[in-house]
Structures are given as structure tokens and as C-alpha cells.
Amino acid sequence: MKINEFKMFKNANHHNYNNYFKTIDYQSNAMIFNEGDECTNISFILEGTVSIRTYSLNGKEEILNTLHPGEIFGDVICFSGNKKYIGHVIADKNCKIAHVNKNNWLKLIQKDSAILTNFIENITDKTFKTKMENKMLLHKNIEDRIYYYLNTKLNKKSPSTVIIKNVTELAKILNLPRPSVSRSLNKMEKRGLIKRNKNKIEVL
């Protein structure tokens, strides 16, 4: 994937992005940034998969987010009052990431109003997503939380079906024990609320 193919640059003028970005290749399992590191870049994933992970006091791993080509990270933190990564940024697979520092990014958005508009929209969307995730965690009942999450993932392209990696990853997203999520999915299917087919869940 190329930089100019990102949604962030929709309707943008032509720019020589090599003057602004530094592209780095990372091997699988490489630590890109550590939790607590200062965030000075906005990072665009060109290839591969990246996860944001943290660990509890007893060593339990929690996956905060998984990012794919076409997605970015650091955009919110870089401009926040507390510029610290909230988790370890790790390459799940070999990946290529283009980093742009804050000063170069400011130069770009000052030159091109389309990029500025896309950036504001991106920040707004992420703020809304965070509020939706917080609302999800308010659902204490496991089935309610699962059903709420599935409905937030439905869209025009996929109005009734949600694709998940596996139950383990779904449990991590929901911040729930895997066995509890697995049992609840079975109950929901028996009740006719959902229909499962491998990694696909159809909301009925």
C-alpha cells in the first residue's frame, strides 16, 4: 500500500511524501514502541499487522487493538497533553510503517486543506469509537456485551454479518474470559439471536 492511498489523503493535492515520511521495515514480533515511550510520530501501516498490547500486574496480556494496512496510530496521542503510548506497539507480522513527525505533519496539513479536513474527521471518528467502547464495557451481562459489540461492527457493506479472527481474540476485545464468551455464543445461537459459521457471526 502507498501513502497516497490512505483515506487521510483523499482529495489531497500531489505531494512528495518522501520529504515528510520515514519508512521502516520491522520483523515479526519486533517491538516498535514501548508502553510509556513518548509519541512524536504519526505512523501509517503500509504492510503487515500491528497490535497494541499491555500487561496486568500478574502478567496477563491484554490486546488493546490490532491494526492493518491502511490504518494509522499515534495520531491522537501525538497531539494530546500526555504524549505516552498506552501500550506496547508490536509487529504481529513482518510489516512496513511510514512515520511522520509532528512538525512535518503540521507542515502538510497547513499546505493542504483536504488533508486537514480528513485528519479532523479521523480524530472525531476515533473519539466516537472510544465512547462506543466505553459504552460496551458498561454492559455487565456477557450476552448483552457480545450483542452490543456485534451490532457496532455491522455496516452497509456487511449489514448482518461480522467476521472475527477467533473466539479468543473476541474475548480479548470484550475484556472477558474466553470460556465465558464461548458459552454465551452457544447460548445466543440456541436462542436464535445469532448464527455462526466458522469465523463469521450473523446477527439475526
N, C-alpha and C. Protein backbone atom coordinates (compact mmCIF):
# COMPACT_ATOMS: atom_id res chain seq x y z
N MET A 1 0.84 -1.19 0.00
CA MET A 1 0.00 0.00 0.00
C MET A 1 0.88 1.25 0.00
N LYS A 2 0.44 2.28 -0.69
CA LYS A 2 1.20 3.52 -0.77
C LYS A 2 0.56 4.58 0.11
N ILE A 3 1.37 5.55 0.50
CA ILE A 3 0.89 6.61 1.39
C ILE A 3 -0.33 7.32 0.80
N ASN A 4 -0.28 7.65 -0.47
CA ASN A 4 -1.37 8.43 -1.06
C ASN A 4 -2.67 7.64 -1.21
N GLU A 5 -2.64 6.34 -0.88
CA GLU A 5 -3.84 5.51 -0.95
C GLU A 5 -4.62 5.51 0.37
N PHE A 6 -4.04 6.11 1.42
CA PHE A 6 -4.73 6.18 2.70
C PHE A 6 -5.90 7.15 2.62
N LYS A 7 -6.94 6.86 3.39
CA LYS A 7 -8.12 7.72 3.44
C LYS A 7 -7.74 9.14 3.85
N MET A 8 -6.67 9.25 4.65
CA MET A 8 -6.22 10.56 5.13
C MET A 8 -5.89 11.51 3.98
N PHE A 9 -5.56 10.96 2.82
CA PHE A 9 -5.12 11.80 1.70
C PHE A 9 -6.14 11.86 0.56
N LYS A 10 -7.38 11.52 0.88
CA LYS A 10 -8.45 11.61 -0.11
C LYS A 10 -8.63 13.07 -0.55
N ASN A 11 -8.65 13.27 -1.85
CA ASN A 11 -8.83 14.60 -2.48
C ASN A 11 -7.66 15.55 -2.22
N ALA A 12 -6.54 15.01 -1.74
CA ALA A 12 -5.37 15.85 -1.47
C ALA A 12 -4.64 16.20 -2.75
N ASN A 13 -3.90 17.29 -2.72
CA ASN A 13 -3.05 17.65 -3.85
C ASN A 13 -1.87 16.69 -3.90
N HIS A 14 -1.15 16.73 -5.01
CA HIS A 14 0.03 15.87 -5.13
C HIS A 14 1.16 16.42 -4.26
N HIS A 15 1.75 15.54 -3.46
CA HIS A 15 2.88 15.92 -2.62
C HIS A 15 3.96 14.85 -2.74
N ASN A 16 5.21 15.26 -2.56
CA ASN A 16 6.30 14.29 -2.49
C ASN A 16 6.42 13.85 -1.04
N TYR A 17 5.69 12.78 -0.70
CA TYR A 17 5.60 12.36 0.70
C TYR A 17 6.93 11.86 1.25
N ASN A 18 7.85 11.51 0.37
CA ASN A 18 9.18 11.08 0.85
C ASN A 18 9.90 12.20 1.60
N ASN A 19 9.49 13.44 1.33
CA ASN A 19 10.11 14.57 2.02
C ASN A 19 9.60 14.72 3.45
N TYR A 20 8.52 14.03 3.75
CA TYR A 20 7.89 14.17 5.07
C TYR A 20 7.96 12.89 5.91
N PHE A 21 7.93 11.75 5.24
CA PHE A 21 7.83 10.46 5.93
C PHE A 21 9.15 9.70 5.94
N LYS A 22 9.32 8.88 6.99
CA LYS A 22 10.44 7.94 7.06
C LYS A 22 9.85 6.54 7.15
N THR A 23 10.15 5.69 6.17
CA THR A 23 9.57 4.35 6.11
C THR A 23 10.56 3.33 6.68
N ILE A 24 10.06 2.47 7.58
CA ILE A 24 10.91 1.48 8.25
C ILE A 24 10.25 0.10 8.13
N ASP A 25 11.08 -0.93 7.86
CA ASP A 25 10.63 -2.32 7.84
C ASP A 25 10.88 -2.94 9.22
N TYR A 26 9.89 -3.68 9.73
CA TYR A 26 10.00 -4.36 11.01
C TYR A 26 9.77 -5.85 10.83
N GLN A 27 10.58 -6.65 11.54
CA GLN A 27 10.40 -8.09 11.52
C GLN A 27 9.26 -8.49 12.45
N SER A 28 8.70 -9.67 12.22
CA SER A 28 7.63 -10.18 13.06
C SER A 28 8.07 -10.22 14.52
N ASN A 29 7.20 -9.78 15.43
CA ASN A 29 7.42 -9.73 16.89
C ASN A 29 8.36 -8.61 17.33
N ALA A 30 8.74 -7.74 16.40
CA ALA A 30 9.60 -6.61 16.76
C ALA A 30 8.82 -5.62 17.63
N MET A 31 9.51 -5.06 18.63
CA MET A 31 8.91 -4.03 19.47
C MET A 31 9.12 -2.69 18.78
N ILE A 32 8.04 -2.11 18.28
CA ILE A 32 8.13 -0.85 17.54
C ILE A 32 8.24 0.32 18.51
N PHE A 33 7.37 0.32 19.52
CA PHE A 33 7.43 1.30 20.61
C PHE A 33 7.07 0.59 21.91
N ASN A 34 7.65 1.05 23.00
CA ASN A 34 7.33 0.51 24.31
C ASN A 34 6.24 1.32 24.98
N GLU A 35 5.45 0.67 25.80
CA GLU A 35 4.46 1.38 26.60
C GLU A 35 5.17 2.44 27.45
N GLY A 36 4.67 3.66 27.41
CA GLY A 36 5.29 4.74 28.16
C GLY A 36 6.27 5.58 27.36
N ASP A 37 6.67 5.09 26.16
CA ASP A 37 7.53 5.90 25.30
C ASP A 37 6.79 7.16 24.87
N GLU A 38 7.53 8.23 24.65
CA GLU A 38 6.91 9.46 24.16
C GLU A 38 6.56 9.30 22.69
N CYS A 39 5.36 9.69 22.33
CA CYS A 39 4.91 9.60 20.95
C CYS A 39 5.22 10.91 20.22
N THR A 40 6.09 10.84 19.24
CA THR A 40 6.48 12.02 18.47
C THR A 40 6.12 11.88 16.99
N ASN A 41 5.50 10.75 16.62
CA ASN A 41 5.18 10.47 15.22
C ASN A 41 3.73 10.04 15.04
N ILE A 42 3.24 10.26 13.84
CA ILE A 42 2.02 9.60 13.38
C ILE A 42 2.49 8.49 12.45
N SER A 43 1.98 7.28 12.64
CA SER A 43 2.50 6.11 11.93
C SER A 43 1.44 5.49 11.04
N PHE A 44 1.80 5.26 9.77
CA PHE A 44 0.90 4.71 8.76
C PHE A 44 1.35 3.29 8.40
N ILE A 45 0.47 2.32 8.56
CA ILE A 45 0.83 0.93 8.28
C ILE A 45 0.66 0.64 6.79
N LEU A 46 1.76 0.39 6.13
CA LEU A 46 1.75 0.11 4.69
C LEU A 46 1.58 -1.37 4.41
N GLU A 47 2.22 -2.20 5.22
CA GLU A 47 2.16 -3.65 5.07
C GLU A 47 2.20 -4.31 6.44
N GLY A 48 1.61 -5.51 6.54
CA GLY A 48 1.69 -6.28 7.78
C GLY A 48 0.62 -5.89 8.81
N THR A 49 0.76 -6.44 10.00
CA THR A 49 -0.21 -6.23 11.07
C THR A 49 0.51 -5.83 12.35
N VAL A 50 -0.08 -4.90 13.07
CA VAL A 50 0.49 -4.37 14.32
C VAL A 50 -0.54 -4.50 15.42
N SER A 51 -0.09 -4.85 16.63
CA SER A 51 -1.01 -4.89 17.76
C SER A 51 -0.51 -3.98 18.87
N ILE A 52 -1.45 -3.43 19.63
CA ILE A 52 -1.14 -2.62 20.80
C ILE A 52 -1.47 -3.48 22.01
N ARG A 53 -0.46 -3.78 22.82
CA ARG A 53 -0.65 -4.72 23.94
C ARG A 53 -0.19 -4.10 25.25
N THR A 54 -0.83 -4.55 26.32
CA THR A 54 -0.40 -4.17 27.66
C THR A 54 -0.48 -5.41 28.54
N TYR A 55 0.08 -5.32 29.75
CA TYR A 55 0.13 -6.47 30.64
C TYR A 55 -0.33 -6.08 32.03
N SER A 56 -1.11 -6.97 32.65
CA SER A 56 -1.59 -6.72 34.02
C SER A 56 -0.46 -7.02 35.00
N LEU A 57 -0.70 -6.74 36.28
CA LEU A 57 0.31 -6.99 37.30
C LEU A 57 0.68 -8.46 37.40
N ASN A 58 -0.27 -9.35 37.09
CA ASN A 58 0.02 -10.79 37.15
C ASN A 58 0.54 -11.34 35.83
N GLY A 59 0.82 -10.44 34.89
CA GLY A 59 1.44 -10.85 33.63
C GLY A 59 0.47 -11.23 32.52
N LYS A 60 -0.82 -11.05 32.74
CA LYS A 60 -1.81 -11.37 31.71
C LYS A 60 -1.75 -10.35 30.59
N GLU A 61 -1.66 -10.86 29.37
CA GLU A 61 -1.59 -9.98 28.20
C GLU A 61 -2.98 -9.52 27.78
N GLU A 62 -3.10 -8.23 27.50
CA GLU A 62 -4.35 -7.67 27.00
C GLU A 62 -4.06 -6.99 25.67
N ILE A 63 -4.80 -7.36 24.62
CA ILE A 63 -4.64 -6.72 23.32
C ILE A 63 -5.62 -5.56 23.25
N LEU A 64 -5.09 -4.35 23.21
CA LEU A 64 -5.92 -3.16 23.16
C LEU A 64 -6.48 -2.91 21.77
N ASN A 65 -5.66 -3.26 20.76
CA ASN A 65 -6.11 -3.02 19.38
C ASN A 65 -5.22 -3.79 18.42
N THR A 66 -5.76 -4.15 17.27
CA THR A 66 -4.99 -4.77 16.19
C THR A 66 -5.20 -3.93 14.95
N LEU A 67 -4.10 -3.54 14.30
CA LEU A 67 -4.16 -2.62 13.17
C LEU A 67 -3.61 -3.27 11.91
N HIS A 68 -4.18 -2.89 10.78
CA HIS A 68 -3.86 -3.49 9.50
C HIS A 68 -3.45 -2.42 8.48
N PRO A 69 -2.98 -2.83 7.30
CA PRO A 69 -2.62 -1.85 6.27
C PRO A 69 -3.77 -0.89 5.99
N GLY A 70 -3.44 0.40 5.90
CA GLY A 70 -4.46 1.41 5.70
C GLY A 70 -4.88 2.10 6.98
N GLU A 71 -4.41 1.56 8.12
CA GLU A 71 -4.73 2.17 9.41
C GLU A 71 -3.52 2.91 9.96
N ILE A 72 -3.77 3.82 10.90
CA ILE A 72 -2.70 4.63 11.47
C ILE A 72 -2.79 4.61 12.99
N PHE A 73 -1.68 4.96 13.64
CA PHE A 73 -1.68 5.10 15.09
C PHE A 73 -0.75 6.24 15.49
N GLY A 74 -0.94 6.74 16.69
CA GLY A 74 -0.14 7.86 17.17
C GLY A 74 -0.75 9.21 16.86
N ASP A 75 -1.80 9.23 16.03
CA ASP A 75 -2.40 10.48 15.59
C ASP A 75 -3.08 11.24 16.72
N VAL A 76 -3.70 10.50 17.64
CA VAL A 76 -4.36 11.15 18.77
C VAL A 76 -3.36 11.49 19.87
N ILE A 77 -2.51 10.53 20.20
CA ILE A 77 -1.54 10.71 21.30
C ILE A 77 -0.55 11.82 20.99
N CYS A 78 -0.12 11.90 19.74
CA CYS A 78 0.90 12.87 19.35
C CYS A 78 0.49 14.31 19.67
N PHE A 79 -0.82 14.57 19.63
CA PHE A 79 -1.32 15.92 19.86
C PHE A 79 -2.01 16.06 21.22
N SER A 80 -1.88 15.07 22.06
CA SER A 80 -2.52 15.12 23.38
C SER A 80 -1.58 15.75 24.40
N GLY A 81 -2.12 16.04 25.59
CA GLY A 81 -1.29 16.59 26.65
C GLY A 81 -0.33 15.56 27.21
N ASN A 82 -0.75 14.28 27.22
CA ASN A 82 0.09 13.19 27.70
C ASN A 82 0.53 12.35 26.52
N LYS A 83 1.71 12.63 25.99
CA LYS A 83 2.17 12.00 24.75
C LYS A 83 2.87 10.67 25.01
N LYS A 84 2.24 9.78 25.75
CA LYS A 84 2.83 8.49 26.09
C LYS A 84 2.00 7.36 25.48
N TYR A 85 2.69 6.40 24.86
CA TYR A 85 1.98 5.23 24.33
C TYR A 85 1.36 4.47 25.49
N ILE A 86 0.08 4.10 25.34
CA ILE A 86 -0.63 3.43 26.43
C ILE A 86 -0.42 1.92 26.39
N GLY A 87 0.33 1.43 25.41
CA GLY A 87 0.63 0.01 25.32
C GLY A 87 1.86 -0.21 24.47
N HIS A 88 2.37 -1.45 24.49
CA HIS A 88 3.50 -1.81 23.63
C HIS A 88 2.98 -1.94 22.19
N VAL A 89 3.68 -1.35 21.24
CA VAL A 89 3.32 -1.46 19.83
C VAL A 89 4.22 -2.53 19.22
N ILE A 90 3.61 -3.65 18.80
CA ILE A 90 4.38 -4.82 18.37
C ILE A 90 3.97 -5.25 16.97
N ALA A 91 4.96 -5.64 16.17
CA ALA A 91 4.68 -6.15 14.82
C ALA A 91 4.23 -7.60 14.93
N ASP A 92 2.97 -7.87 14.59
CA ASP A 92 2.47 -9.25 14.62
C ASP A 92 3.05 -10.06 13.47
N LYS A 93 3.28 -9.39 12.35
CA LYS A 93 3.89 -10.00 11.18
C LYS A 93 4.94 -9.03 10.66
N ASN A 94 5.76 -9.46 9.71
CA ASN A 94 6.67 -8.52 9.07
C ASN A 94 5.84 -7.35 8.55
N CYS A 95 6.28 -6.15 8.84
CA CYS A 95 5.48 -5.02 8.42
C CYS A 95 6.34 -3.84 7.99
N LYS A 96 5.70 -2.95 7.26
CA LYS A 96 6.35 -1.72 6.79
C LYS A 96 5.49 -0.55 7.26
N ILE A 97 6.12 0.40 7.94
CA ILE A 97 5.40 1.53 8.52
C ILE A 97 6.07 2.83 8.11
N ALA A 98 5.25 3.79 7.69
CA ALA A 98 5.75 5.12 7.36
C ALA A 98 5.45 6.05 8.53
N HIS A 99 6.49 6.66 9.09
CA HIS A 99 6.34 7.56 10.23
C HIS A 99 6.53 9.01 9.77
N VAL A 100 5.70 9.90 10.30
CA VAL A 100 5.86 11.32 10.04
C VAL A 100 5.87 12.03 11.39
N ASN A 101 6.89 12.87 11.62
CA ASN A 101 6.95 13.55 12.91
C ASN A 101 5.95 14.71 12.95
N LYS A 102 5.69 15.18 14.14
CA LYS A 102 4.65 16.19 14.36
C LYS A 102 4.88 17.45 13.52
N ASN A 103 6.12 17.93 13.48
CA ASN A 103 6.40 19.16 12.73
C ASN A 103 6.12 19.00 11.24
N ASN A 104 6.55 17.87 10.66
CA ASN A 104 6.31 17.63 9.24
C ASN A 104 4.82 17.47 8.96
N TRP A 105 4.11 16.85 9.91
CA TRP A 105 2.67 16.68 9.71
C TRP A 105 1.96 18.04 9.72
N LEU A 106 2.37 18.90 10.62
CA LEU A 106 1.77 20.24 10.67
C LEU A 106 2.03 21.00 9.37
N LYS A 107 3.21 20.82 8.80
CA LYS A 107 3.51 21.46 7.52
C LYS A 107 2.56 20.96 6.42
N LEU A 108 2.30 19.65 6.43
CA LEU A 108 1.43 19.06 5.41
C LEU A 108 0.00 19.57 5.51
N ILE A 109 -0.55 19.55 6.71
CA ILE A 109 -1.96 19.95 6.86
C ILE A 109 -2.14 21.46 6.67
N GLN A 110 -1.06 22.22 6.89
CA GLN A 110 -1.15 23.66 6.63
C GLN A 110 -1.11 23.95 5.12
N LYS A 111 -0.46 23.05 4.38
CA LYS A 111 -0.38 23.22 2.93
C LYS A 111 -1.64 22.75 2.20
N ASP A 112 -2.33 21.78 2.80
CA ASP A 112 -3.42 21.12 2.08
C ASP A 112 -4.65 21.00 2.98
N SER A 113 -5.68 21.75 2.67
CA SER A 113 -6.89 21.76 3.50
C SER A 113 -7.63 20.42 3.45
N ALA A 114 -7.46 19.67 2.36
CA ALA A 114 -8.12 18.36 2.26
C ALA A 114 -7.56 17.40 3.30
N ILE A 115 -6.24 17.42 3.47
CA ILE A 115 -5.61 16.56 4.47
C ILE A 115 -6.04 16.99 5.87
N LEU A 116 -6.12 18.30 6.10
CA LEU A 116 -6.57 18.82 7.39
C LEU A 116 -7.99 18.35 7.70
N THR A 117 -8.87 18.45 6.71
CA THR A 117 -10.26 18.02 6.90
C THR A 117 -10.33 16.53 7.21
N ASN A 118 -9.55 15.73 6.47
CA ASN A 118 -9.54 14.28 6.70
C ASN A 118 -8.98 13.95 8.08
N PHE A 119 -7.99 14.70 8.51
CA PHE A 119 -7.38 14.48 9.82
C PHE A 119 -8.39 14.76 10.94
N ILE A 120 -9.11 15.87 10.83
CA ILE A 120 -10.12 16.21 11.84
C ILE A 120 -11.21 15.13 11.87
N GLU A 121 -11.64 14.68 10.69
CA GLU A 121 -12.65 13.63 10.62
C GLU A 121 -12.15 12.35 11.27
N ASN A 122 -10.89 12.02 11.04
CA ASN A 122 -10.28 10.82 11.62
C ASN A 122 -10.26 10.89 13.14
N ILE A 123 -9.86 12.04 13.69
CA ILE A 123 -9.81 12.21 15.14
C ILE A 123 -11.21 12.12 15.74
N THR A 124 -12.18 12.74 15.06
CA THR A 124 -13.57 12.70 15.52
C THR A 124 -14.10 11.27 15.53
N ASP A 125 -13.83 10.52 14.47
CA ASP A 125 -14.28 9.13 14.40
C ASP A 125 -13.69 8.30 15.52
N LYS A 126 -12.41 8.52 15.82
CA LYS A 126 -11.76 7.74 16.88
C LYS A 126 -12.32 8.11 18.25
N THR A 127 -12.64 9.37 18.44
CA THR A 127 -13.25 9.80 19.70
C THR A 127 -14.60 9.14 19.89
N PHE A 128 -15.39 9.08 18.81
CA PHE A 128 -16.70 8.44 18.87
C PHE A 128 -16.55 6.94 19.15
N LYS A 129 -15.56 6.31 18.51
CA LYS A 129 -15.32 4.88 18.71
C LYS A 129 -14.97 4.59 20.17
N THR A 130 -14.15 5.46 20.76
CA THR A 130 -13.78 5.27 22.17
C THR A 130 -15.01 5.35 23.06
N LYS A 131 -15.90 6.29 22.78
CA LYS A 131 -17.12 6.42 23.57
C LYS A 131 -17.99 5.17 23.42
N MET A 132 -18.04 4.62 22.21
CA MET A 132 -18.81 3.41 21.98
C MET A 132 -18.22 2.22 22.74
N GLU A 133 -16.88 2.14 22.79
CA GLU A 133 -16.23 1.06 23.52
C GLU A 133 -16.48 1.18 25.01
N ASN A 134 -16.45 2.41 25.50
CA ASN A 134 -16.75 2.63 26.92
C ASN A 134 -18.18 2.21 27.24
N LYS A 135 -19.08 2.50 26.32
CA LYS A 135 -20.48 2.10 26.50
C LYS A 135 -20.60 0.58 26.52
N MET A 136 -19.82 -0.09 25.67
CA MET A 136 -19.83 -1.55 25.63
C MET A 136 -19.45 -2.14 26.98
N LEU A 137 -18.42 -1.55 27.60
CA LEU A 137 -17.93 -2.07 28.88
C LEU A 137 -18.94 -1.85 30.01
N LEU A 138 -19.90 -0.96 29.80
CA LEU A 138 -20.94 -0.75 30.81
C LEU A 138 -21.91 -1.92 30.87
N HIS A 139 -21.96 -2.72 29.80
CA HIS A 139 -22.82 -3.90 29.77
C HIS A 139 -22.16 -5.01 30.59
N LYS A 140 -22.68 -5.27 31.76
CA LYS A 140 -22.10 -6.28 32.64
C LYS A 140 -22.50 -7.69 32.24
N ASN A 141 -23.72 -7.82 31.68
CA ASN A 141 -24.17 -9.11 31.19
C ASN A 141 -23.36 -9.50 29.95
N ILE A 142 -22.81 -10.70 29.93
CA ILE A 142 -21.91 -11.11 28.85
C ILE A 142 -22.62 -11.12 27.50
N GLU A 143 -23.84 -11.68 27.46
CA GLU A 143 -24.56 -11.74 26.19
C GLU A 143 -24.90 -10.35 25.69
N ASP A 144 -25.26 -9.46 26.59
CA ASP A 144 -25.55 -8.08 26.20
C ASP A 144 -24.32 -7.41 25.60
N ARG A 145 -23.16 -7.67 26.22
CA ARG A 145 -21.92 -7.06 25.72
C ARG A 145 -21.56 -7.60 24.34
N ILE A 146 -21.71 -8.91 24.15
CA ILE A 146 -21.42 -9.51 22.85
C ILE A 146 -22.35 -8.95 21.78
N TYR A 147 -23.63 -8.91 22.10
CA TYR A 147 -24.63 -8.44 21.13
C TYR A 147 -24.41 -6.97 20.77
N TYR A 148 -24.07 -6.19 21.77
CA TYR A 148 -23.79 -4.76 21.53
C TYR A 148 -22.57 -4.62 20.61
N TYR A 149 -21.50 -5.36 20.90
CA TYR A 149 -20.28 -5.28 20.08
C TYR A 149 -20.56 -5.69 18.64
N LEU A 150 -21.28 -6.78 18.45
CA LEU A 150 -21.57 -7.26 17.10
C LEU A 150 -22.34 -6.20 16.31
N ASN A 151 -23.30 -5.57 16.95
CA ASN A 151 -24.10 -4.55 16.27
C ASN A 151 -23.29 -3.32 15.89
N THR A 152 -22.26 -3.01 16.68
CA THR A 152 -21.42 -1.85 16.34
C THR A 152 -20.54 -2.14 15.13
N LYS A 153 -20.34 -3.42 14.81
CA LYS A 153 -19.48 -3.79 13.69
C LYS A 153 -20.24 -3.96 12.37
N LEU A 154 -21.55 -3.91 12.43
CA LEU A 154 -22.33 -4.03 11.21
C LEU A 154 -22.28 -2.72 10.43
N ASN A 155 -22.29 -2.82 9.10
CA ASN A 155 -22.25 -1.63 8.25
C ASN A 155 -22.96 -1.91 6.94
N LYS A 156 -22.96 -0.94 6.04
CA LYS A 156 -23.67 -1.08 4.78
C LYS A 156 -23.11 -2.22 3.93
N LYS A 157 -21.80 -2.42 3.97
CA LYS A 157 -21.19 -3.49 3.18
C LYS A 157 -21.51 -4.85 3.78
N SER A 158 -21.65 -4.88 5.10
CA SER A 158 -21.95 -6.14 5.79
C SER A 158 -23.05 -5.87 6.81
N PRO A 159 -24.32 -5.81 6.35
CA PRO A 159 -25.43 -5.39 7.21
C PRO A 159 -25.85 -6.40 8.27
N SER A 160 -25.40 -7.65 8.15
CA SER A 160 -25.85 -8.65 9.12
C SER A 160 -24.76 -9.60 9.60
N THR A 161 -23.56 -9.52 9.01
CA THR A 161 -22.51 -10.48 9.34
C THR A 161 -21.24 -9.79 9.84
N VAL A 162 -20.69 -10.33 10.92
CA VAL A 162 -19.44 -9.83 11.49
C VAL A 162 -18.39 -10.93 11.38
N ILE A 163 -17.21 -10.59 10.91
CA ILE A 163 -16.12 -11.55 10.81
C ILE A 163 -15.17 -11.35 11.98
N ILE A 164 -14.90 -12.42 12.72
CA ILE A 164 -13.95 -12.36 13.83
C ILE A 164 -12.77 -13.28 13.53
N LYS A 165 -11.63 -13.00 14.15
CA LYS A 165 -10.45 -13.85 13.94
C LYS A 165 -10.70 -15.20 14.59
N ASN A 166 -11.08 -15.19 15.84
CA ASN A 166 -11.45 -16.40 16.58
C ASN A 166 -12.07 -15.95 17.91
N VAL A 167 -12.56 -16.91 18.68
CA VAL A 167 -13.23 -16.59 19.93
C VAL A 167 -12.24 -15.99 20.94
N THR A 168 -11.01 -16.45 20.91
CA THR A 168 -10.00 -15.92 21.83
C THR A 168 -9.79 -14.43 21.62
N GLU A 169 -9.68 -14.02 20.36
CA GLU A 169 -9.49 -12.60 20.06
C GLU A 169 -10.73 -11.79 20.41
N LEU A 170 -11.90 -12.37 20.16
CA LEU A 170 -13.15 -11.69 20.51
C LEU A 170 -13.23 -11.47 22.01
N ALA A 171 -12.82 -12.49 22.79
CA ALA A 171 -12.84 -12.38 24.25
C ALA A 171 -11.91 -11.27 24.73
N LYS A 172 -10.77 -11.13 24.07
CA LYS A 172 -9.82 -10.08 24.45
C LYS A 172 -10.40 -8.70 24.16
N ILE A 173 -11.07 -8.57 23.02
CA ILE A 173 -11.69 -7.29 22.67
C ILE A 173 -12.76 -6.93 23.69
N LEU A 174 -13.53 -7.92 24.11
CA LEU A 174 -14.63 -7.70 25.04
C LEU A 174 -14.16 -7.62 26.49
N ASN A 175 -12.87 -7.94 26.70
CA ASN A 175 -12.31 -7.93 28.05
C ASN A 175 -13.06 -8.93 28.95
N LEU A 176 -13.24 -10.14 28.40
CA LEU A 176 -13.95 -11.19 29.10
C LEU A 176 -13.18 -12.51 28.97
N PRO A 177 -13.39 -13.45 29.91
CA PRO A 177 -12.74 -14.76 29.80
C PRO A 177 -13.23 -15.52 28.57
N ARG A 178 -12.32 -16.21 27.88
CA ARG A 178 -12.70 -16.92 26.66
C ARG A 178 -13.80 -17.95 26.90
N PRO A 179 -13.71 -18.79 27.96
CA PRO A 179 -14.76 -19.79 28.17
C PRO A 179 -16.15 -19.16 28.32
N SER A 180 -16.21 -18.01 28.98
CA SER A 180 -17.49 -17.34 29.19
C SER A 180 -18.07 -16.85 27.86
N VAL A 181 -17.20 -16.31 27.00
CA VAL A 181 -17.64 -15.83 25.69
C VAL A 181 -18.11 -17.00 24.83
N SER A 182 -17.36 -18.11 24.87
CA SER A 182 -17.72 -19.28 24.08
C SER A 182 -19.08 -19.83 24.50
N ARG A 183 -19.30 -19.94 25.81
CA ARG A 183 -20.59 -20.44 26.31
C ARG A 183 -21.74 -19.51 25.91
N SER A 184 -21.49 -18.20 26.03
CA SER A 184 -22.53 -17.24 25.72
C SER A 184 -22.88 -17.24 24.23
N LEU A 185 -21.88 -17.40 23.37
CA LEU A 185 -22.14 -17.50 21.94
C LEU A 185 -23.02 -18.71 21.62
N ASN A 186 -22.74 -19.83 22.28
CA ASN A 186 -23.55 -21.03 22.08
C ASN A 186 -25.00 -20.80 22.52
N LYS A 187 -25.16 -20.14 23.67
CA LYS A 187 -26.50 -19.85 24.18
C LYS A 187 -27.25 -18.91 23.23
N MET A 188 -26.53 -17.89 22.73
CA MET A 188 -27.16 -16.93 21.83
C MET A 188 -27.59 -17.58 20.53
N GLU A 189 -26.79 -18.54 20.07
CA GLU A 189 -27.15 -19.25 18.83
C GLU A 189 -28.39 -20.12 19.06
N LYS A 190 -28.46 -20.78 20.20
CA LYS A 190 -29.61 -21.62 20.51
C LYS A 190 -30.88 -20.78 20.64
N ARG A 191 -30.72 -19.56 21.12
CA ARG A 191 -31.88 -18.66 21.29
C ARG A 191 -32.28 -17.99 19.98
N GLY A 192 -31.50 -18.20 18.92
CA GLY A 192 -31.83 -17.63 17.63
C GLY A 192 -31.42 -16.19 17.44
N LEU A 193 -30.50 -15.71 18.31
CA LEU A 193 -30.04 -14.33 18.20
C LEU A 193 -28.94 -14.19 17.15
N ILE A 194 -28.13 -15.24 17.01
CA ILE A 194 -27.03 -15.22 16.06
C ILE A 194 -26.93 -16.58 15.36
N LYS A 195 -26.15 -16.61 14.27
CA LYS A 195 -25.85 -17.85 13.58
C LYS A 195 -24.37 -17.85 13.26
N ARG A 196 -23.66 -18.90 13.66
CA ARG A 196 -22.20 -18.95 13.49
C ARG A 196 -21.81 -19.89 12.37
N ASN A 197 -20.79 -19.46 11.62
CA ASN A 197 -20.21 -20.28 10.55
C ASN A 197 -18.72 -20.00 10.51
N LYS A 198 -17.96 -20.84 11.22
CA LYS A 198 -16.51 -20.66 11.37
C LYS A 198 -16.22 -19.29 12.01
N ASN A 199 -15.58 -18.40 11.28
CA ASN A 199 -15.23 -17.09 11.88
C ASN A 199 -16.26 -16.00 11.54
N LYS A 200 -17.40 -16.41 11.03
CA LYS A 200 -18.45 -15.47 10.70
C LYS A 200 -19.60 -15.60 11.69
N ILE A 201 -20.11 -14.45 12.15
CA ILE A 201 -21.26 -14.44 13.04
C ILE A 201 -22.35 -13.59 12.39
N GLU A 202 -23.47 -14.22 12.11
CA GLU A 202 -24.60 -13.49 11.52
C GLU A 202 -25.55 -13.07 12.64
N VAL A 203 -25.85 -11.78 12.67
CA VAL A 203 -26.79 -11.25 13.66
C VAL A 203 -28.20 -11.35 13.08
N LEU A 204 -29.06 -12.09 13.76
CA LEU A 204 -30.42 -12.35 13.24
C LEU A 204 -31.44 -11.35 13.78
